[in-house]
Each structure stands twice: as structure tokens, then as C-alpha cells.
């Protein structure tokens, strides 16, 4: 089935159901997919992300392979 046919089938199912809980669950699913996670992050996490992005922009990154080589003895 192609995407358009899938959408039509879902619309038909929604129109035919009388299950309010199911309709609300579908609505909640759509809302959860559209919400931005950033506002829900703690301040310290946001600061860490911003710091990491700045370091990446400045070229202050270490390759994953180098980190693994250096710290593999502790794993």
C-alpha cells in the first residue's frame, strides 16, 4: 500500500470508531511527535549542549576512536 492509501485507511478507521480513548490516544501521539523537547530539558543539560556545540564549532573535538583507545583500559 502506498502512503496516500495508508492515510485514507487511517482516516476511515478514525471516522468509523466511537472509541473516544482511541481517538484521544491518536491525538496525543500526534502532539507528542510535534512537541519540542528543548523547553523540557533541565538548565544544566541545556548549558552542556550549548557548550558542546560551541566546542564543535571551534574544532575542539576528539574522535571517538581516539577516546576509545585512550580509555579502553578502564572499560
PDB file of N, CA and C in Angstrom:
ATOM      1  N   UNK A   1       0.843  -1.186   0.000  1.00  0.00           N
ATOM      2  CA  UNK A   1       0.000   0.000   0.000  1.00  0.00           C
ATOM      3  C   UNK A   1       0.885   1.244   0.000  1.00  0.00           C
ATOM      4  N   UNK A   2       0.501   2.241  -0.745  1.00  0.00           N
ATOM      5  CA  UNK A   2       1.296   3.464  -0.749  1.00  0.00           C
ATOM      6  C   UNK A   2       0.877   4.374   0.407  1.00  0.00           C
ATOM      7  N   UNK A   3       1.629   5.411   0.620  1.00  0.00           N
ATOM      8  CA  UNK A   3       1.400   6.306   1.752  1.00  0.00           C
ATOM      9  C   UNK A   3       0.007   6.921   1.718  1.00  0.00           C
ATOM     10  N   UNK A   4      -0.417   7.387   0.564  1.00  0.00           N
ATOM     11  CA  UNK A   4      -1.732   8.024   0.452  1.00  0.00           C
ATOM     12  C   UNK A   4      -2.846   7.042   0.812  1.00  0.00           C
ATOM     13  N   UNK A   5      -2.723   5.818   0.366  1.00  0.00           N
ATOM     14  CA  UNK A   5      -3.722   4.793   0.686  1.00  0.00           C
ATOM     15  C   UNK A   5      -3.732   4.497   2.183  1.00  0.00           C
ATOM     16  N   UNK A   6      -2.549   4.461   2.807  1.00  0.00           N
ATOM     17  CA  UNK A   6      -2.463   4.259   4.258  1.00  0.00           C
ATOM     18  C   UNK A   6      -3.175   5.377   5.005  1.00  0.00           C
ATOM     19  N   UNK A   7      -2.965   6.595   4.567  1.00  0.00           N
ATOM     20  CA  UNK A   7      -3.613   7.744   5.213  1.00  0.00           C
ATOM     21  C   UNK A   7      -5.132   7.652   5.103  1.00  0.00           C
ATOM     22  N   UNK A   8      -5.603   7.320   3.925  1.00  0.00           N
ATOM     23  CA  UNK A   8      -7.050   7.206   3.709  1.00  0.00           C
ATOM     24  C   UNK A   8      -7.638   6.112   4.593  1.00  0.00           C
ATOM     25  N   UNK A   9      -6.938   4.998   4.680  1.00  0.00           N
ATOM     26  CA  UNK A   9      -7.400   3.900   5.527  1.00  0.00           C
ATOM     27  C   UNK A   9      -7.478   4.332   6.994  1.00  0.00           C
ATOM     28  N   UNK A  10      -6.477   5.059   7.462  1.00  0.00           N
ATOM     29  CA  UNK A  10      -6.494   5.551   8.843  1.00  0.00           C
ATOM     30  C   UNK A  10      -7.640   6.526   9.080  1.00  0.00           C
ATOM     31  N   UNK A  11      -7.873   7.407   8.135  1.00  0.00           N
ATOM     32  CA  UNK A  11      -8.981   8.362   8.261  1.00  0.00           C
ATOM     33  C   UNK A  11     -10.305   7.611   8.354  1.00  0.00           C
ATOM     34  N   UNK A  12     -10.480   6.594   7.526  1.00  0.00           N
ATOM     35  CA  UNK A  12     -11.708   5.794   7.569  1.00  0.00           C
ATOM     36  C   UNK A  12     -11.889   5.152   8.940  1.00  0.00           C
ATOM     37  N   UNK A  13     -10.798   4.583   9.460  1.00  0.00           N
ATOM     38  CA  UNK A  13     -10.887   3.936  10.772  1.00  0.00           C
ATOM     39  C   UNK A  13     -11.253   4.942  11.854  1.00  0.00           C
ATOM     40  N   UNK A  14     -10.663   6.125  11.804  1.00  0.00           N
ATOM     41  CA  UNK A  14     -10.978   7.154  12.793  1.00  0.00           C
ATOM     42  C   UNK A  14     -12.431   7.600  12.692  1.00  0.00           C
ATOM     43  N   UNK A  15     -12.924   7.755  11.477  1.00  0.00           N
ATOM     44  CA  UNK A  15     -14.306   8.186  11.285  1.00  0.00           C
ATOM     45  C   UNK A  15     -15.308   7.131  11.743  1.00  0.00           C
ATOM     46  N   UNK A  16     -14.944   5.878  11.648  1.00  0.00           N
ATOM     47  CA  UNK A  16     -15.863   4.796  11.996  1.00  0.00           C
ATOM     48  C   UNK A  16     -15.852   4.441  13.477  1.00  0.00           C
ATOM     49  N   UNK A  17     -14.816   4.802  14.199  1.00  0.00           N
ATOM     50  CA  UNK A  17     -14.732   4.401  15.600  1.00  0.00           C
ATOM     51  C   UNK A  17     -15.543   5.325  16.500  1.00  0.00           C
ATOM     52  N   UNK A  18     -16.073   4.743  17.555  1.00  0.00           N
ATOM     53  CA  UNK A  18     -16.767   5.511  18.590  1.00  0.00           C
ATOM     54  C   UNK A  18     -15.946   5.491  19.883  1.00  0.00           C
ATOM     55  N   UNK A  19     -14.750   4.942  19.811  1.00  0.00           N
ATOM     56  CA  UNK A  19     -13.880   4.798  20.981  1.00  0.00           C
ATOM     57  C   UNK A  19     -13.136   6.109  21.235  1.00  0.00           C
ATOM     58  N   UNK A  20     -13.651   6.885  22.190  1.00  0.00           N
ATOM     59  CA  UNK A  20     -13.063   8.190  22.495  1.00  0.00           C
ATOM     60  C   UNK A  20     -11.623   8.044  22.988  1.00  0.00           C
ATOM     61  N   UNK A  21     -11.348   7.004  23.764  1.00  0.00           N
ATOM     62  CA  UNK A  21      -9.984   6.792  24.266  1.00  0.00           C
ATOM     63  C   UNK A  21      -8.997   6.581  23.118  1.00  0.00           C
ATOM     64  N   UNK A  22      -9.429   5.849  22.112  1.00  0.00           N
ATOM     65  CA  UNK A  22      -8.576   5.613  20.951  1.00  0.00           C
ATOM     66  C   UNK A  22      -8.308   6.918  20.210  1.00  0.00           C
ATOM     67  N   UNK A  23      -9.340   7.712  20.033  1.00  0.00           N
ATOM     68  CA  UNK A  23      -9.187   8.998  19.345  1.00  0.00           C
ATOM     69  C   UNK A  23      -8.242   9.909  20.124  1.00  0.00           C
ATOM     70  N   UNK A  24      -8.395   9.942  21.440  1.00  0.00           N
ATOM     71  CA  UNK A  24      -7.507  10.764  22.265  1.00  0.00           C
ATOM     72  C   UNK A  24      -6.077  10.239  22.218  1.00  0.00           C
ATOM     73  N   UNK A  25      -5.909   8.931  22.162  1.00  0.00           N
ATOM     74  CA  UNK A  25      -4.564   8.350  22.078  1.00  0.00           C
ATOM     75  C   UNK A  25      -3.890   8.741  20.765  1.00  0.00           C
ATOM     76  N   UNK A  26      -4.660   8.735  19.683  1.00  0.00           N
ATOM     77  CA  UNK A  26      -4.109   9.150  18.388  1.00  0.00           C
ATOM     78  C   UNK A  26      -3.738  10.625  18.434  1.00  0.00           C
ATOM     79  N   UNK A  27      -4.610  11.438  19.019  1.00  0.00           N
ATOM     80  CA  UNK A  27      -4.327  12.871  19.150  1.00  0.00           C
ATOM     81  C   UNK A  27      -3.054  13.092  19.970  1.00  0.00           C
ATOM     82  N   UNK A  28      -2.940  12.381  21.083  1.00  0.00           N
ATOM     83  CA  UNK A  28      -1.751  12.512  21.935  1.00  0.00           C
ATOM     84  C   UNK A  28      -0.485  12.094  21.195  1.00  0.00           C
ATOM     85  N   UNK A  29      -0.597  11.061  20.381  1.00  0.00           N
ATOM     86  CA  UNK A  29       0.554  10.609  19.601  1.00  0.00           C
ATOM     87  C   UNK A  29       1.022  11.702  18.650  1.00  0.00           C
ATOM     88  N   UNK A  30       0.082  12.335  17.953  1.00  0.00           N
ATOM     89  CA  UNK A  30       0.447  13.422  17.047  1.00  0.00           C
ATOM     90  C   UNK A  30       1.070  14.589  17.811  1.00  0.00           C
ATOM     91  N   UNK A  31       0.495  14.944  18.949  1.00  0.00           N
ATOM     92  CA  UNK A  31       1.034  16.059  19.740  1.00  0.00           C
ATOM     93  C   UNK A  31       2.443  15.750  20.228  1.00  0.00           C
ATOM     94  N   UNK A  32       2.668  14.526  20.674  1.00  0.00           N
ATOM     95  CA  UNK A  32       3.986  14.172  21.214  1.00  0.00           C
ATOM     96  C   UNK A  32       5.056  14.203  20.133  1.00  0.00           C
ATOM     97  N   UNK A  33       4.679  13.934  18.908  1.00  0.00           N
ATOM     98  CA  UNK A  33       5.635  13.960  17.800  1.00  0.00           C
ATOM     99  C   UNK A  33       5.967  15.380  17.382  1.00  0.00           C
ATOM    100  N   UNK A  34       5.095  16.325  17.694  1.00  0.00           N
ATOM    101  CA  UNK A  34       5.283  17.697  17.262  1.00  0.00           C
ATOM    102  C   UNK A  34       5.943  18.561  18.332  1.00  0.00           C
ATOM    103  N   UNK A  35       5.945  18.093  19.564  1.00  0.00           N
ATOM    104  CA  UNK A  35       6.478  18.901  20.652  1.00  0.00           C
ATOM    105  C   UNK A  35       7.993  19.001  20.573  1.00  0.00           C
ATOM    106  N   UNK A  36       8.491  20.153  20.951  1.00  0.00           N
ATOM    107  CA  UNK A  36       9.922  20.390  21.006  1.00  0.00           C
ATOM    108  C   UNK A  36      10.425  19.938  22.372  1.00  0.00           C
ATOM    109  N   UNK A  37      11.458  19.154  22.394  1.00  0.00           N
ATOM    110  CA  UNK A  37      11.984  18.634  23.651  1.00  0.00           C
ATOM    111  C   UNK A  37      12.794  19.673  24.423  1.00  0.00           C
ATOM    112  N   UNK A  38      13.308  20.690  23.733  1.00  0.00           N
ATOM    113  CA  UNK A  38      14.227  21.650  24.347  1.00  0.00           C
ATOM    114  C   UNK A  38      13.659  22.323  25.598  1.00  0.00           C
ATOM    115  N   UNK A  39      12.434  22.849  25.580  1.00  0.00           N
ATOM    116  CA  UNK A  39      11.921  23.521  26.776  1.00  0.00           C
ATOM    117  C   UNK A  39      11.840  22.612  28.000  1.00  0.00           C
ATOM    118  N   UNK A  40      11.712  21.317  27.787  1.00  0.00           N
ATOM    119  CA  UNK A  40      11.589  20.394  28.902  1.00  0.00           C
ATOM    120  C   UNK A  40      12.909  19.943  29.502  1.00  0.00           C
ATOM    121  N   UNK A  41      14.012  20.327  28.890  1.00  0.00           N
ATOM    122  CA  UNK A  41      15.320  19.917  29.408  1.00  0.00           C
ATOM    123  C   UNK A  41      15.716  20.760  30.615  1.00  0.00           C
ATOM    124  N   UNK A  42      16.397  20.154  31.579  1.00  0.00           N
ATOM    125  CA  UNK A  42      16.910  20.924  32.713  1.00  0.00           C
ATOM    126  C   UNK A  42      17.968  21.929  32.246  1.00  0.00           C
ATOM    127  N   UNK A  43      18.130  22.995  32.999  1.00  0.00           N
ATOM    128  CA  UNK A  43      19.065  24.067  32.642  1.00  0.00           C
ATOM    129  C   UNK A  43      20.480  23.530  32.474  1.00  0.00           C
ATOM    130  N   UNK A  44      20.923  22.650  33.379  1.00  0.00           N
ATOM    131  CA  UNK A  44      22.302  22.151  33.286  1.00  0.00           C
ATOM    132  C   UNK A  44      22.525  21.337  32.006  1.00  0.00           C
ATOM    133  N   UNK A  45      21.500  20.659  31.533  1.00  0.00           N
ATOM    134  CA  UNK A  45      21.623  19.898  30.289  1.00  0.00           C
ATOM    135  C   UNK A  45      21.708  20.855  29.103  1.00  0.00           C
ATOM    136  N   UNK A  46      20.884  21.895  29.115  1.00  0.00           N
ATOM    137  CA  UNK A  46      20.927  22.897  28.041  1.00  0.00           C
ATOM    138  C   UNK A  46      22.299  23.558  27.974  1.00  0.00           C
ATOM    139  N   UNK A  47      22.857  23.887  29.147  1.00  0.00           N
ATOM    140  CA  UNK A  47      24.186  24.508  29.180  1.00  0.00           C
ATOM    141  C   UNK A  47      25.234  23.572  28.594  1.00  0.00           C
ATOM    142  N   UNK A  48      25.146  22.288  28.939  1.00  0.00           N
ATOM    143  CA  UNK A  48      26.095  21.310  28.413  1.00  0.00           C
ATOM    144  C   UNK A  48      26.004  21.166  26.903  1.00  0.00           C
ATOM    145  N   UNK A  49      24.794  21.170  26.394  1.00  0.00           N
ATOM    146  CA  UNK A  49      24.602  21.064  24.941  1.00  0.00           C
ATOM    147  C   UNK A  49      25.157  22.292  24.246  1.00  0.00           C
ATOM    148  N   UNK A  50      24.857  23.465  24.785  1.00  0.00           N
ATOM    149  CA  UNK A  50      25.361  24.707  24.183  1.00  0.00           C
ATOM    150  C   UNK A  50      26.888  24.741  24.204  1.00  0.00           C
ATOM    151  N   UNK A  51      27.470  24.305  25.320  1.00  0.00           N
ATOM    152  CA  UNK A  51      28.930  24.279  25.434  1.00  0.00           C
ATOM    153  C   UNK A  51      29.527  23.316  24.404  1.00  0.00           C
ATOM    154  N   UNK A  52      28.926  22.151  24.266  1.00  0.00           N
ATOM    155  CA  UNK A  52      29.416  21.160  23.304  1.00  0.00           C
ATOM    156  C   UNK A  52      29.314  21.665  21.874  1.00  0.00           C
ATOM    157  N   UNK A  53      28.212  22.335  21.555  1.00  0.00           N
ATOM    158  CA  UNK A  53      28.053  22.879  20.202  1.00  0.00           C
ATOM    159  C   UNK A  53      29.109  23.941  19.919  1.00  0.00           C
ATOM    160  N   UNK A  54      29.411  24.765  20.932  1.00  0.00           N
ATOM    161  CA  UNK A  54      30.434  25.799  20.766  1.00  0.00           C
ATOM    162  C   UNK A  54      31.803  25.155  20.549  1.00  0.00           C
ATOM    163  N   UNK A  55      32.108  24.117  21.327  1.00  0.00           N
ATOM    164  CA  UNK A  55      33.378  23.412  21.166  1.00  0.00           C
ATOM    165  C   UNK A  55      33.480  22.793  19.776  1.00  0.00           C
ATOM    166  N   UNK A  56      32.386  22.234  19.295  1.00  0.00           N
ATOM    167  CA  UNK A  56      32.389  21.632  17.960  1.00  0.00           C
ATOM    168  C   UNK A  56      32.628  22.691  16.896  1.00  0.00           C
ATOM    169  N   UNK A  57      32.003  23.841  17.056  1.00  0.00           N
ATOM    170  CA  UNK A  57      32.179  24.935  16.106  1.00  0.00           C
ATOM    171  C   UNK A  57      33.628  25.405  16.078  1.00  0.00           C
ATOM    172  N   UNK A  58      34.283  25.372  17.235  1.00  0.00           N
ATOM    173  CA  UNK A  58      35.676  25.817  17.334  1.00  0.00           C
ATOM    174  C   UNK A  58      36.668  24.705  16.976  1.00  0.00           C
ATOM    175  N   UNK A  59      36.169  23.539  16.626  1.00  0.00           N
ATOM    176  CA  UNK A  59      37.050  22.439  16.248  1.00  0.00           C
ATOM    177  C   UNK A  59      37.681  21.725  17.425  1.00  0.00           C
ATOM    178  N   UNK A  60      37.119  21.871  18.598  1.00  0.00           N
ATOM    179  CA  UNK A  60      37.672  21.248  19.799  1.00  0.00           C
ATOM    180  C   UNK A  60      37.019  19.888  20.059  1.00  0.00           C
ATOM    181  N   UNK A  61      37.121  19.016  19.102  1.00  0.00           N
ATOM    182  CA  UNK A  61      36.531  17.689  19.220  1.00  0.00           C
ATOM    183  C   UNK A  61      37.616  16.632  19.236  1.00  0.00           C
ATOM    184  N   UNK A  62      37.316  15.505  19.866  1.00  0.00           N
ATOM    185  CA  UNK A  62      38.205  14.352  19.845  1.00  0.00           C
ATOM    186  C   UNK A  62      37.439  13.215  19.188  1.00  0.00           C
ATOM    187  N   UNK A  63      38.062  12.578  18.237  1.00  0.00           N
ATOM    188  CA  UNK A  63      37.412  11.481  17.517  1.00  0.00           C
ATOM    189  C   UNK A  63      37.069  10.345  18.474  1.00  0.00           C
ATOM    190  N   UNK A  64      35.969   9.686  18.208  1.00  0.00           N
ATOM    191  CA  UNK A  64      35.505   8.583  19.041  1.00  0.00           C
ATOM    192  C   UNK A  64      36.573   7.503  19.167  1.00  0.00           C
ATOM    193  N   UNK A  65      37.224   7.167  18.068  1.00  0.00           N
ATOM    194  CA  UNK A  65      38.268   6.135  18.090  1.00  0.00           C
ATOM    195  C   UNK A  65      39.404   6.502  19.036  1.00  0.00           C
ATOM    196  N   UNK A  66      39.778   7.773  19.056  1.00  0.00           N
ATOM    197  CA  UNK A  66      40.855   8.221  19.945  1.00  0.00           C
ATOM    198  C   UNK A  66      40.442   8.107  21.408  1.00  0.00           C
ATOM    199  N   UNK A  67      39.220   8.448  21.700  1.00  0.00           N
ATOM    200  CA  UNK A  67      38.724   8.359  23.080  1.00  0.00           C
ATOM    201  C   UNK A  67      38.695   6.904  23.527  1.00  0.00           C
ATOM    202  N   UNK A  68      38.210   6.028  22.667  1.00  0.00           N
ATOM    203  CA  UNK A  68      38.151   4.602  23.000  1.00  0.00           C
ATOM    204  C   UNK A  68      39.547   4.048  23.234  1.00  0.00           C
ATOM    205  N   UNK A  69      40.490   4.415  22.378  1.00  0.00           N
ATOM    206  CA  UNK A  69      41.860   3.937  22.528  1.00  0.00           C
ATOM    207  C   UNK A  69      42.441   4.401  23.870  1.00  0.00           C
ATOM    208  N   UNK A  70      42.196   5.636  24.215  1.00  0.00           N
ATOM    209  CA  UNK A  70      42.760   6.209  25.433  1.00  0.00           C
ATOM    210  C   UNK A  70      42.139   5.603  26.692  1.00  0.00           C
ATOM    211  N   UNK A  71      40.831   5.362  26.670  1.00  0.00           N
ATOM    212  CA  UNK A  71      40.138   4.947  27.887  1.00  0.00           C
ATOM    213  C   UNK A  71      39.708   3.480  27.898  1.00  0.00           C
ATOM    214  N   UNK A  72      40.097   2.710  26.902  1.00  0.00           N
ATOM    215  CA  UNK A  72      39.667   1.308  26.831  1.00  0.00           C
ATOM    216  C   UNK A  72      40.159   0.496  28.024  1.00  0.00           C
ATOM    217  N   UNK A  73      41.271   0.891  28.595  1.00  0.00           N
ATOM    218  CA  UNK A  73      41.791   0.145  29.746  1.00  0.00           C
ATOM    219  C   UNK A  73      40.893   0.285  30.968  1.00  0.00           C
ATOM    220  N   UNK A  74      40.026   1.287  30.978  1.00  0.00           N
ATOM    221  CA  UNK A  74      39.118   1.496  32.106  1.00  0.00           C
ATOM    222  C   UNK A  74      37.751   0.849  31.886  1.00  0.00           C
ATOM    223  N   UNK A  75      37.531   0.355  30.686  1.00  0.00           N
ATOM    224  CA  UNK A  75      36.219  -0.230  30.364  1.00  0.00           C
ATOM    225  C   UNK A  75      36.164  -1.693  30.679  1.00  0.00           C
TER     226      UNK A  75
END
